[in-house]
Amino acid sequence: MVAHKKEFLDQVGRLLSSQRVGVLATHYKHTPHQSLVAYLSSEDLRDIFFVSPKYTRKVAAIKEDPRVALLVDNRQNLESDFDACIAVTAKGTAEEVPEQQRGPFISRYLERHPYLEEFVSSPSCSFYLIRVQSYTLVSRFQKVEELFLR
């Protein structure tokens, strides 16, 4: 459990805003699957957005089982990571963003990831929202804290 909710969420928010890519974990045909995704978190940290081509294993997995986890960390592949690295896992459910609700999402997403404009503009892309149910934050390699949002 978390002793100080505001401090915990501030730390999660700083990590999510400092990184651009996370590892999305899904479950597909009785097998775990992971994918790299460029993401955007909402200001209140309750939602995380990402874009994916429609015909991928991750999209098929989300349609089969919408439960997902997104891991984001700040490791640098150095020995000091064991003391200095922090990682957050956002757990929740993913759903496709309806076409009529994509506008604000797309503009904010492209502000964060302007190099993905061609990718996002492709008609073969789908837009997803993770409704975060909890965050698990690991620091100093063994300190684990969890906060349930929903």
Foldseek 3Di string as FASTA:
>chain_A
DDPDPVVVVVVVVVQLLVDFKWWKWFAAPNRIDIDIWGWDADPVRQKIKTKDFCPDRVNVRLVVPFWMKIKTKDDDPDPCCLAAIKMKIFIAGKDWDDPVPCVVVVVVSCVSVVVCVVVVPDPRMTMMMGRTQKMWMDHSNHDIDMDGDD
